[in-house]
Protein backbone atom coordinates (compact mmCIF):
# COMPACT_ATOMS: atom_id res chain seq x y z
CA MET A 1 61.15 -135.59 14.31
CA SER A 2 63.46 -132.81 15.43
CA ILE A 3 62.63 -129.35 14.11
CA SER A 4 66.25 -128.90 13.12
CA ARG A 5 65.86 -131.82 10.71
CA ALA A 6 62.59 -130.61 9.17
CA PRO A 7 62.57 -131.11 5.37
CA LEU A 8 62.81 -128.11 3.09
CA PHE A 9 59.24 -128.56 1.88
CA LEU A 10 58.04 -128.12 5.46
CA LEU A 11 59.88 -124.83 5.72
CA SER A 12 58.06 -123.69 2.60
CA VAL A 13 54.79 -124.62 4.24
CA CYS A 14 55.89 -122.64 7.29
CA SER A 15 56.47 -119.52 5.21
CA ALA A 16 53.00 -119.80 3.71
CA ALA A 17 51.49 -120.41 7.13
CA ALA A 18 53.10 -117.25 8.50
CA ILE A 19 51.21 -115.22 5.92
CA LEU A 20 47.86 -116.85 6.69
CA TYR A 21 47.79 -116.81 10.51
CA PRO A 22 46.48 -113.63 12.19
CA ALA A 23 49.36 -111.25 12.94
CA ARG A 24 48.86 -111.14 16.68
CA VAL A 25 48.98 -114.95 16.84
CA ARG A 26 51.88 -115.59 14.49
CA ALA A 27 53.97 -113.15 16.51
CA GLN A 28 55.07 -116.02 18.75
CA ALA A 29 54.03 -119.38 17.21
CA ASP A 30 57.03 -120.79 15.32
CA PRO A 31 55.87 -121.82 11.82
CA ALA A 32 58.60 -124.46 11.56
CA SER A 33 57.37 -126.06 14.77
CA VAL A 34 53.77 -126.04 13.53
CA ALA A 35 54.80 -127.72 10.30
CA ALA A 36 56.83 -130.32 12.17
CA ILE A 37 53.87 -131.09 14.43
CA VAL A 38 51.63 -131.68 11.41
CA GLU A 39 54.25 -133.86 9.71
CA GLU A 40 54.82 -135.99 12.79
CA GLY A 41 51.15 -136.29 13.71
CA LYS A 42 49.86 -137.04 10.24
CA ASN A 43 52.61 -139.25 8.82
CA HIS A 44 54.28 -140.91 11.81
CA SER A 45 51.36 -141.53 14.14
CA GLN A 46 51.63 -144.00 17.02
CA ILE A 47 48.05 -143.57 18.19
CA MET A 48 46.74 -147.00 17.24
CA LYS A 49 49.69 -148.66 18.94
CA GLU A 50 48.88 -146.69 22.09
CA MET A 51 45.17 -147.41 21.74
CA THR A 52 45.84 -151.14 21.39
CA TYR A 53 47.73 -151.19 24.66
CA ILE A 54 45.02 -149.23 26.47
CA ALA A 55 42.16 -151.40 25.19
CA LYS A 56 43.78 -154.84 24.93
CA LYS A 57 46.59 -154.95 27.49
CA ILE A 58 44.87 -152.92 30.21
CA GLY A 59 41.21 -153.03 29.18
CA PRO A 60 38.33 -151.32 30.99
CA ARG A 61 39.47 -149.06 33.84
CA LEU A 62 36.82 -148.55 36.50
CA THR A 63 37.68 -145.89 39.07
CA ALA A 64 39.24 -147.51 42.18
CA SER A 65 39.94 -150.78 40.34
CA PRO A 66 43.24 -152.68 39.97
CA GLN A 67 42.92 -152.18 36.19
CA LEU A 68 43.08 -148.42 36.68
CA ASP A 69 46.17 -148.92 38.84
CA LYS A 70 47.81 -150.53 35.81
CA ALA A 71 46.78 -147.57 33.68
CA TYR A 72 48.30 -145.13 36.19
CA ALA A 73 51.64 -146.93 35.97
CA TRP A 74 51.67 -147.32 32.19
CA THR A 75 50.64 -143.76 31.32
CA GLN A 76 53.28 -142.32 33.66
CA LYS A 77 55.86 -144.57 32.03
CA MET A 78 54.81 -143.38 28.58
CA PHE A 79 54.90 -139.66 29.47
CA LYS A 80 58.39 -140.12 30.93
CA SER A 81 59.57 -142.04 27.85
CA PHE A 82 58.46 -139.12 25.66
CA GLY A 83 60.58 -136.73 27.70
CA CYS A 84 57.75 -134.93 29.51
CA LYS A 85 58.62 -133.19 32.76
CA ASN A 86 56.97 -133.17 36.18
CA VAL A 87 55.24 -136.50 35.56
CA HIS A 88 53.27 -137.41 38.66
CA LEU A 89 50.05 -138.63 40.21
CA GLU A 90 47.82 -136.18 42.03
CA GLU A 91 45.46 -137.83 44.50
CA TRP A 92 41.91 -136.51 44.63
CA ALA A 93 40.25 -138.96 47.06
CA GLN A 94 40.39 -142.29 48.83
CA TRP A 95 37.45 -144.66 48.65
CA PRO A 96 36.82 -147.35 51.28
CA VAL A 97 36.22 -150.11 48.75
CA GLY A 98 37.08 -150.82 45.13
CA PHE A 99 35.87 -153.34 42.58
CA GLU A 100 37.44 -155.88 40.24
CA ARG A 101 35.29 -157.56 37.62
CA GLY A 102 37.62 -160.31 36.57
CA LYS A 103 37.93 -161.96 33.16
CA ASN A 104 36.14 -164.74 31.28
CA ASN A 105 32.64 -163.78 32.37
CA ILE A 106 30.06 -166.26 31.11
CA GLY A 107 26.33 -165.78 30.51
CA ARG A 108 24.10 -168.08 28.48
CA MET A 109 20.93 -170.12 28.24
CA VAL A 110 21.83 -173.82 28.24
CA SER A 111 18.39 -175.37 27.86
CA PRO A 112 16.04 -175.95 26.13
CA GLU A 113 18.49 -174.37 23.63
CA VAL A 114 21.98 -172.94 23.83
CA ARG A 115 22.10 -169.17 23.46
CA GLU A 116 25.06 -166.96 24.33
CA PHE A 117 23.97 -163.74 26.02
CA GLU A 118 25.26 -160.23 25.62
CA PHE A 119 25.07 -158.98 29.18
CA THR A 120 26.48 -156.85 31.96
CA THR A 121 26.18 -156.46 35.71
CA PRO A 122 26.30 -153.27 37.77
CA SER A 123 29.81 -152.45 38.98
CA TRP A 124 30.28 -152.73 42.74
CA THR A 125 27.88 -155.66 43.05
CA PRO A 126 28.66 -159.31 43.91
CA GLY A 127 29.31 -161.95 41.26
CA THR A 128 28.82 -165.70 41.47
CA ASN A 129 30.62 -168.37 43.43
CA GLY A 130 32.03 -170.03 40.35
CA ARG A 131 29.91 -171.28 37.47
CA GLN A 132 26.24 -171.46 38.42
CA LYS A 133 23.74 -173.36 36.25
CA ALA A 134 20.17 -173.25 37.50
CA LEU A 135 16.48 -173.12 36.66
CA ALA A 136 15.06 -169.83 35.44
CA VAL A 137 11.89 -168.79 37.29
CA LEU A 138 9.74 -165.78 36.46
CA GLU A 139 9.67 -163.27 39.30
CA PRO A 140 6.23 -163.32 40.96
CA THR A 141 4.43 -159.99 41.12
CA THR A 142 1.94 -160.88 43.86
CA MET A 143 2.00 -163.01 46.99
CA GLU A 144 -0.46 -165.36 45.29
CA GLU A 145 2.04 -165.93 42.47
CA TYR A 146 4.82 -166.30 45.02
CA GLU A 147 3.02 -169.14 46.79
CA LYS A 148 2.81 -171.05 43.50
CA VAL A 149 6.57 -170.89 42.76
CA LYS A 150 8.19 -170.56 46.19
CA ASP A 151 9.40 -174.17 46.20
CA GLN A 152 11.32 -173.54 42.95
CA LEU A 153 13.13 -170.38 44.05
CA LYS A 154 15.99 -171.70 46.17
CA GLY A 155 19.11 -171.90 43.99
CA ALA A 156 17.24 -170.55 40.93
CA TRP A 157 17.81 -167.55 38.66
CA LEU A 158 14.94 -165.12 39.14
CA ILE A 159 13.78 -163.58 35.87
CA GLY A 160 12.72 -159.97 36.36
CA THR A 161 9.33 -159.19 34.87
CA GLY A 162 10.12 -155.50 34.36
CA ALA A 163 13.05 -153.10 34.17
CA ARG A 164 15.60 -153.11 36.96
CA ARG A 165 14.60 -150.63 39.66
CA ARG A 166 16.38 -149.32 42.70
CA PRO A 167 14.29 -150.13 45.80
CA THR A 168 12.58 -147.16 47.42
CA GLY A 169 10.94 -146.96 50.82
CA GLU A 170 10.24 -149.92 53.09
CA PRO A 171 10.32 -153.33 51.36
CA THR A 172 6.95 -154.97 50.73
CA GLU A 173 5.96 -158.40 52.01
CA LEU A 174 6.70 -159.83 48.57
CA GLN A 175 10.12 -158.21 48.40
CA LYS A 176 11.03 -159.56 51.81
CA ALA A 177 9.90 -163.03 50.77
CA LEU A 178 11.99 -162.94 47.60
CA GLU A 179 15.05 -161.67 49.46
CA SER A 180 14.91 -164.65 51.81
CA ALA A 181 14.06 -167.23 49.13
CA GLY A 182 17.68 -168.24 48.45
CA THR A 183 17.81 -167.36 44.73
CA LEU A 184 21.17 -167.03 42.98
CA GLY A 185 20.24 -163.56 41.79
CA ARG A 186 18.04 -161.59 39.42
CA VAL A 187 18.25 -161.39 35.64
CA TYR A 188 16.73 -158.35 33.95
CA GLY A 189 16.18 -157.48 30.30
CA SER A 190 17.46 -154.32 28.66
CA SER A 191 14.96 -152.13 26.85
CA ASN A 192 16.85 -152.68 23.57
CA GLU A 193 19.90 -154.48 22.18
CA LEU A 194 22.35 -152.37 24.19
CA VAL A 195 23.33 -153.33 27.71
CA ILE A 196 24.49 -150.36 29.77
CA THR A 197 26.96 -150.72 32.62
CA PHE A 198 26.55 -148.49 35.69
CA GLY A 199 27.09 -148.83 39.42
CA GLN A 200 26.84 -147.24 42.84
CA TRP A 201 30.38 -146.43 43.96
CA ASN A 202 29.90 -144.79 47.39
CA LEU A 203 29.78 -147.99 49.42
CA LYS A 204 30.47 -148.74 53.05
CA VAL A 205 32.64 -151.72 53.91
CA ASP A 206 30.10 -152.98 56.46
CA ASP A 207 27.12 -152.55 54.12
CA LEU A 208 28.08 -154.00 50.74
CA PRO A 209 25.41 -155.11 48.22
CA LYS A 210 24.54 -158.80 48.44
CA LEU A 211 22.29 -159.27 45.40
CA THR A 212 23.75 -160.53 42.13
CA GLN A 213 22.11 -158.59 39.30
CA ILE A 214 22.46 -159.30 35.59
CA ILE A 215 21.16 -157.32 32.60
CA ILE A 216 20.84 -159.13 29.28
CA ARG A 217 19.88 -157.60 25.94
CA LYS A 218 16.21 -157.51 24.96
CA SER A 219 16.37 -160.28 22.34
CA ASP A 220 18.02 -162.61 24.86
CA MET A 221 15.34 -161.92 27.46
CA ASP A 222 12.61 -162.36 24.86
CA ALA A 223 14.00 -165.82 24.07
CA VAL A 224 14.10 -166.78 27.76
CA LYS A 225 10.54 -165.64 28.42
CA LYS A 226 9.18 -167.28 25.26
CA ASN A 227 10.57 -170.65 26.30
CA ILE A 228 9.11 -170.27 29.78
CA ALA A 229 5.73 -169.24 28.31
CA ASP A 230 5.85 -172.34 26.09
CA GLY A 231 6.11 -174.48 29.20
CA LYS A 232 9.72 -175.51 28.65
CA LYS A 233 12.29 -175.97 31.38
CA VAL A 234 14.73 -173.09 31.03
CA GLU A 235 18.21 -173.25 32.55
CA LEU A 236 20.69 -170.38 32.62
CA GLU A 237 24.39 -170.47 33.37
CA PHE A 238 26.52 -167.58 34.67
CA ASP A 239 30.09 -167.31 35.85
CA LEU A 240 30.84 -163.81 37.17
CA PRO A 241 34.27 -163.63 38.85
CA GLN A 242 33.76 -160.12 40.21
CA LYS A 243 34.68 -159.03 43.70
CA PHE A 244 35.04 -156.09 46.04
CA VAL A 245 38.58 -154.82 46.66
CA PRO A 246 39.37 -153.72 50.22
CA GLY A 247 40.41 -150.10 50.61
CA PRO A 248 41.48 -147.53 51.06
CA ARG A 249 41.60 -147.22 47.28
CA HIS A 250 43.66 -144.22 46.16
CA ASN A 251 42.27 -142.23 43.22
CA TYR A 252 44.51 -140.04 41.09
CA ASN A 253 44.82 -137.76 38.10
CA VAL A 254 47.91 -138.37 35.93
CA VAL A 255 49.82 -135.16 35.16
CA ALA A 256 52.75 -134.39 32.82
CA GLU A 257 54.17 -131.22 31.27
CA ILE A 258 56.22 -129.50 28.63
CA PRO A 259 57.44 -126.42 30.56
CA GLY A 260 56.95 -123.01 29.02
CA THR A 261 60.04 -121.07 28.01
CA GLU A 262 58.79 -117.54 28.73
CA LYS A 263 55.66 -117.80 30.88
CA PRO A 264 55.89 -121.20 32.58
CA ASP A 265 53.26 -120.26 35.17
CA GLU A 266 50.65 -119.85 32.41
CA VAL A 267 49.20 -123.13 31.20
CA VAL A 268 47.34 -124.78 28.32
CA ILE A 269 45.83 -128.15 29.25
CA ILE A 270 45.23 -131.14 26.93
CA SER A 271 43.13 -133.80 28.63
CA GLY A 272 40.81 -136.78 28.58
CA HIS A 273 39.53 -139.11 31.27
CA LEU A 274 41.38 -142.36 31.86
CA ASP A 275 38.65 -144.17 33.78
CA SER A 276 35.84 -146.11 32.12
CA TRP A 277 32.95 -148.37 32.95
CA ASP A 278 33.89 -152.02 32.92
CA GLY A 279 31.12 -154.15 31.41
CA PRO A 280 32.15 -157.77 30.70
CA MET A 281 32.37 -157.21 26.93
CA SER A 282 33.76 -153.66 27.01
CA GLU A 283 37.39 -152.61 26.53
CA GLY A 284 36.94 -148.97 27.56
CA ALA A 285 38.20 -148.08 24.09
CA GLN A 286 36.04 -145.09 23.18
CA ASP A 287 34.92 -143.88 26.59
CA ASN A 288 37.48 -142.78 27.04
CA GLY A 289 40.45 -144.71 25.76
CA THR A 290 40.33 -142.49 22.69
CA GLY A 291 40.65 -139.26 24.68
CA SER A 292 43.40 -140.77 26.82
CA GLY A 293 45.25 -141.98 23.73
CA ILE A 294 44.93 -138.57 22.07
CA THR A 295 46.37 -136.89 25.17
CA LEU A 296 49.31 -139.31 25.19
CA GLU A 297 49.92 -139.03 21.46
CA ALA A 298 49.75 -135.23 21.55
CA ALA A 299 52.48 -135.35 24.20
CA ARG A 300 54.56 -137.68 22.03
CA ILE A 301 54.16 -135.50 18.94
CA LEU A 302 55.13 -132.30 20.74
CA THR A 303 58.12 -133.78 22.54
CA SER A 304 59.26 -135.57 19.37
CA CYS A 305 59.25 -132.24 17.57
CA LYS A 306 61.17 -130.62 20.45
CA VAL A 307 58.80 -127.68 20.53
CA LYS A 308 59.48 -124.73 22.79
CA PRO A 309 56.08 -123.36 23.82
CA LYS A 310 56.02 -119.97 25.50
CA ARG A 311 53.53 -121.26 28.08
CA THR A 312 53.50 -124.63 29.78
CA ILE A 313 51.52 -127.35 28.02
CA ARG A 314 50.09 -129.66 30.65
CA PHE A 315 48.70 -133.12 29.91
CA ILE A 316 46.13 -134.48 32.38
CA LEU A 317 44.34 -137.81 32.45
CA TRP A 318 41.36 -137.39 34.77
CA THR A 319 39.69 -140.19 36.69
CA GLY A 320 36.38 -140.44 38.50
CA GLU A 321 34.78 -138.76 35.50
CA GLU A 322 32.16 -141.46 35.12
CA GLN A 323 31.03 -141.13 38.73
CA GLY A 324 30.73 -137.33 38.69
CA LEU A 325 33.74 -135.43 37.24
CA PHE A 326 35.53 -136.02 40.53
CA GLY A 327 39.11 -135.73 39.30
CA SER A 328 38.66 -132.46 37.45
CA ALA A 329 36.40 -130.96 40.12
CA PHE A 330 39.07 -131.68 42.73
CA TYR A 331 41.76 -130.18 40.51
CA VAL A 332 39.84 -126.92 40.12
CA LYS A 333 39.32 -126.69 43.87
CA ALA A 334 42.85 -127.71 44.84
CA HIS A 335 44.40 -125.27 42.34
CA LYS A 336 41.92 -122.45 42.80
CA ASP A 337 44.70 -119.89 43.13
CA GLU A 338 46.11 -120.93 39.74
CA MET A 339 42.90 -120.78 37.72
CA ASP A 340 43.61 -117.28 36.41
CA LYS A 341 46.84 -118.62 34.89
CA ILE A 342 45.14 -121.34 32.82
CA SER A 343 44.64 -120.11 29.28
CA CYS A 344 42.25 -122.94 28.39
CA VAL A 345 41.50 -126.63 28.81
CA PHE A 346 40.93 -128.94 25.83
CA VAL A 347 38.91 -132.10 26.55
CA ASP A 348 38.46 -135.01 24.13
CA ASP A 349 35.72 -137.33 25.36
CA GLY A 350 33.35 -138.27 22.58
CA GLY A 351 34.56 -141.52 21.08
CA THR A 352 36.32 -142.21 17.82
CA ASN A 353 34.92 -139.38 15.69
CA TYR A 354 37.39 -136.66 14.77
CA GLU A 355 37.82 -133.26 16.39
CA GLY A 356 35.46 -131.18 14.30
CA GLY A 357 35.86 -127.82 16.01
CA LEU A 358 34.54 -126.02 19.07
CA SER A 359 32.39 -123.18 20.40
CA CYS A 360 33.93 -119.97 21.67
CA THR A 361 33.21 -116.29 22.19
CA GLU A 362 34.01 -113.67 19.58
CA GLU A 363 36.97 -112.46 21.66
CA MET A 364 38.53 -115.94 21.70
CA LYS A 365 38.00 -116.61 18.02
CA PRO A 366 41.18 -115.11 16.45
CA ILE A 367 43.52 -117.25 18.55
CA LEU A 368 41.43 -120.39 18.11
CA GLU A 369 41.05 -119.90 14.36
CA ALA A 370 44.82 -119.86 14.10
CA ALA A 371 45.04 -122.86 16.42
CA LEU A 372 42.73 -125.01 14.28
CA LYS A 373 44.06 -123.94 10.89
CA PRO A 374 46.98 -126.42 10.64
CA ALA A 375 44.69 -129.44 11.01
CA MET A 376 42.09 -127.89 8.71
CA ASP A 377 44.76 -127.55 6.01
CA ALA A 378 46.32 -130.97 6.65
CA PHE A 379 43.01 -132.87 6.65
CA PRO A 380 40.80 -131.06 4.10
CA ASN A 381 38.43 -134.04 3.88
CA LEU A 382 37.71 -133.71 7.62
CA PRO A 383 36.27 -130.20 7.89
CA MET A 384 36.25 -128.26 11.16
CA LYS A 385 34.24 -125.28 12.30
CA ILE A 386 34.10 -122.71 15.06
CA ASN A 387 30.74 -121.71 16.50
CA THR A 388 30.60 -118.26 18.04
CA VAL A 389 28.56 -118.03 21.23
CA ALA A 390 27.82 -115.16 23.60
CA ARG A 391 29.08 -117.11 26.58
CA ILE A 392 30.78 -120.46 27.12
CA PRO A 393 28.14 -122.84 28.56
CA ARG A 394 28.53 -123.60 32.25
CA GLY A 395 27.14 -127.12 32.16
CA GLY A 396 28.29 -130.28 30.43
CA GLY A 397 28.84 -133.96 31.05
CA SER A 398 32.63 -134.07 30.89
CA ASP A 399 35.64 -132.55 32.59
CA HIS A 400 35.57 -129.23 30.73
CA ALA A 401 32.51 -128.34 32.81
CA SER A 402 34.58 -128.22 36.00
CA PHE A 403 36.66 -125.40 34.51
CA ASN A 404 33.83 -123.52 32.82
CA ALA A 405 32.13 -123.35 36.19
CA VAL A 406 34.94 -121.08 37.42
CA ASN A 407 35.20 -119.10 34.16
CA VAL A 408 38.25 -120.90 32.79
CA PRO A 409 37.70 -121.60 29.07
CA GLY A 410 37.02 -125.33 28.79
CA PHE A 411 36.51 -126.78 25.32
CA TYR A 412 34.82 -130.09 24.53
CA TRP A 413 35.77 -130.87 20.94
CA PHE A 414 32.93 -131.40 18.48
CA GLU A 415 32.92 -135.08 17.57
CA THR A 416 32.34 -135.17 13.83
CA GLY A 417 32.16 -138.24 11.61
CA LYS A 418 30.32 -141.44 10.83
CA ALA A 419 30.56 -143.26 14.17
CA ASP A 420 27.47 -143.58 16.39
CA TYR A 421 28.66 -142.76 19.90
CA ASN A 422 25.39 -143.95 21.49
CA PHE A 423 26.16 -147.44 20.18
CA VAL A 424 29.33 -147.65 22.30
CA HIS A 425 28.70 -145.27 25.21
CA HIS A 426 28.83 -147.45 28.37
CA THR A 427 27.77 -150.49 26.30
CA GLN A 428 29.12 -153.89 25.28
CA HIS A 429 30.34 -152.37 22.00
CA ASP A 430 33.00 -150.09 23.50
CA ARG A 431 35.80 -151.97 21.75
CA LEU A 432 38.98 -151.25 19.85
CA ASP A 433 37.73 -152.75 16.57
CA LEU A 434 35.25 -149.86 16.23
CA VAL A 435 37.92 -147.15 16.56
CA ILE A 436 38.59 -145.32 13.25
CA PRO A 437 42.35 -144.75 12.74
CA GLU A 438 41.95 -141.87 10.25
CA TYR A 439 39.87 -139.91 12.73
CA MET A 440 42.26 -140.61 15.58
CA ILE A 441 45.25 -139.35 13.59
CA GLN A 442 43.45 -136.08 12.83
CA SER A 443 42.43 -135.61 16.47
CA CYS A 444 45.95 -136.17 17.79
CA THR A 445 47.49 -133.82 15.23
CA ASN A 446 44.90 -131.15 15.89
CA SER A 447 45.22 -131.42 19.67
CA ALA A 448 48.99 -131.05 19.50
CA ALA A 449 49.00 -128.15 17.04
CA ALA A 450 46.15 -126.29 18.71
CA ALA A 451 47.70 -126.51 22.16
CA TYR A 452 51.09 -125.35 20.88
CA ILE A 453 49.66 -122.34 19.05
CA VAL A 454 47.51 -121.27 22.00
CA ALA A 455 50.51 -121.72 24.28
CA CYS A 456 52.51 -119.38 22.03
CA ALA A 457 49.85 -116.71 21.51
CA PRO A 458 50.74 -113.17 22.66
CA THR A 459 48.01 -113.36 25.31
CA MET A 460 46.06 -116.01 27.14
CA LEU A 461 42.60 -116.68 25.81
CA PRO A 462 40.18 -113.95 26.95
CA ARG A 463 37.75 -114.88 29.70
CA ASP A 464 34.02 -114.45 29.41
CA THR A 465 32.98 -110.95 30.41
CA PRO A 466 29.68 -111.03 32.30
CA LYS A 467 27.25 -108.52 30.85
CA THR A 468 25.84 -106.03 33.32
CA SER A 469 22.36 -104.59 33.04
CA ASN A 470 21.65 -100.88 33.35
């Protein structure tokens, strides 16, 4: 909605807002623009349409995968369609090999009963050569046990007797025997009903993993082992169409902007990470399709309202976050001479709960109070708060940490609400149907309004001031 066409009632809201915002902040933030942002974000949201495309049309987006290539293309297209400027990819690394999981993964017990598994496999590991149905054999733990079952191992599924472990040191005699036994692969049980996807990404083309590894939920493994213990013939069936993708695989951050009108070299960043893990049942919806969608929707809201921020508002979709914050760490290093011109970085990376506030120093608080106030007023049933801290923490498990490490204010939004992030984080439940639209609408509106107000503040956000001892 164009600001010039803002309804009269919005202009009334603007007048009231001008009274409430701190004087040094309202000096530059246009109240009519703030009201238009809230109106567009709250009442004309496109976030669930964007989320549906991310989760259903593209799906999980492992770093260095063809699925992430699709996400690069689509997100650039969307930023351009909104009217953002300087839309581009910024390469942060090339990897020698990528990975593609494929669709229609199958995992089940077919005898003595039919049971569909909830399962995953580590990314960057081999799948199966088509559909493989075979006997399930308990993994022997001693050479004596091995001798008893060795004739059953060729072409069988080996059932791990403990948790999956990475091999350390020289392989034992038993391990060597099992490696040469000709099994189809190993099946492990999760410690609970969640199956967590992970993977070792830093592979060499001439030394790729050869072992097919499958993790099924605890109740599925309990059923398999009970049938074996009861003396029944247990057969499992898997079809895992996953494969390595030859490199070099180019890894990028996606960048777009609304240029500042007065101080274009000073920047406020809205961001989330576009990559995800790629378990067979996951859609990459909440880690971090939600943060990516919020970044896109904030760009749409602000461009739709034709805002004129004093500073540049930059939208960045990081990748390589899941493997070690690679995209944001590269950005900080590559743009080291620009760090003193970044007012702050907002990161949304906590699933479908709403943006419930943030932590900041006392010196930052006046600007950030004004920045959060529009969403606090527009969504009174979704309260927000600001925690005052002596110093912004230097650690953290998401992309804000890369900036905090060099004393650029990086904010990881509090994720407030009823959703249990641990239930979806890297698990089979990271799906669109568990995303809460009401929370997403608030987060998009807040991200857009907060970034605009900070971008229009009379000064950049203050940096931490290290305390010196006498």
